[in-house]
Amino acid sequence: MLGGSLLVRWLVAWHMARHTHDRVFRDSWFWLPVRDMLSAAVWCAAGLGGEVSWRGRRYALRQGGRLQRLT
């Protein structure tokens, strides 16, 4: 399963790079799984915080999912 998903990810990236004439992809295709894992880790870690920054303002997440403006 892991091998199949890696193959599909690389094929999609190769296809998009070919159509957009992206030359960087040729040098960094092997880093795609690492980048994907780091992106997923950042996304998961973002859900653990109690504050949100949106459009230059900070909010605290309170009980029941309500936001309180901090700045």
Protein backbone atom coordinates (compact mmCIF):
# COMPACT_ATOMS: atom_id res chain seq x y z
CA MET A 1 0.00 0.00 0.00
CA LEU A 2 2.76 2.41 0.94
CA GLY A 3 4.67 1.65 -2.24
CA GLY A 4 1.57 2.13 -4.35
CA SER A 5 0.76 5.47 -2.76
CA LEU A 6 4.36 6.65 -3.24
CA LEU A 7 4.25 5.62 -6.87
CA VAL A 8 0.96 7.44 -7.47
CA ARG A 9 2.28 10.55 -5.69
CA TRP A 10 5.43 10.59 -7.83
CA LEU A 11 3.50 9.98 -11.05
CA VAL A 12 1.06 12.82 -10.34
CA ALA A 13 3.92 15.17 -9.44
CA TRP A 14 5.85 14.17 -12.56
CA HIS A 15 2.77 14.72 -14.72
CA MET A 16 2.14 18.18 -13.24
CA ALA A 17 5.82 19.16 -13.51
CA ARG A 18 5.86 18.12 -17.15
CA HIS A 19 2.82 20.23 -17.98
CA THR A 20 4.09 23.27 -16.06
CA HIS A 21 7.69 22.88 -17.29
CA ASP A 22 8.95 22.68 -13.69
CA ARG A 23 12.65 21.85 -13.75
CA VAL A 24 13.00 21.79 -9.95
CA PHE A 25 11.02 18.57 -9.78
CA ARG A 26 13.77 16.65 -11.58
CA ASP A 27 16.22 17.51 -8.81
CA SER A 28 13.92 17.01 -5.82
CA TRP A 29 11.40 14.27 -6.68
CA PHE A 30 12.75 11.95 -4.00
CA TRP A 31 11.96 14.53 -1.26
CA LEU A 32 8.21 14.44 -1.96
CA PRO A 33 7.37 11.77 0.67
CA VAL A 34 9.37 13.64 3.32
CA ARG A 35 7.64 16.92 2.46
CA ASP A 36 4.24 15.23 2.55
CA MET A 37 4.92 13.69 5.97
CA LEU A 38 6.15 17.00 7.38
CA SER A 39 3.11 18.80 6.00
CA ALA A 40 0.81 16.25 7.62
CA ALA A 41 2.69 16.58 10.93
CA VAL A 42 2.36 20.38 10.87
CA TRP A 43 -1.34 20.09 10.06
CA CYS A 44 -1.89 17.66 12.97
CA ALA A 45 0.16 19.78 15.37
CA ALA A 46 -1.90 22.84 14.45
CA GLY A 47 -4.96 21.10 15.86
CA LEU A 48 -3.33 20.80 19.28
CA GLY A 49 -2.98 24.53 19.89
CA GLY A 50 -5.42 26.73 21.75
CA GLU A 51 -4.84 29.88 19.68
CA VAL A 52 -5.61 30.86 16.10
CA SER A 53 -4.07 33.64 14.04
CA TRP A 54 -6.36 34.84 11.29
CA ARG A 55 -5.98 37.96 9.14
CA GLY A 56 -3.49 39.51 11.54
CA ARG A 57 -5.61 38.96 14.66
CA ARG A 58 -5.14 36.37 17.39
CA TYR A 59 -7.99 34.40 18.90
CA ALA A 60 -8.16 31.93 21.78
CA LEU A 61 -10.25 28.80 21.37
CA ARG A 62 -12.63 28.49 24.32
CA GLN A 63 -14.92 25.78 25.65
CA GLY A 64 -17.59 24.77 23.17
CA GLY A 65 -15.55 25.92 20.15
CA ARG A 66 -16.08 29.64 20.69
CA LEU A 67 -13.36 32.14 19.77
CA GLN A 68 -12.25 35.01 21.97
CA ARG A 69 -10.25 37.83 20.38
CA LEU A 70 -6.86 38.38 22.04
CA THR A 71 -5.40 41.24 19.95
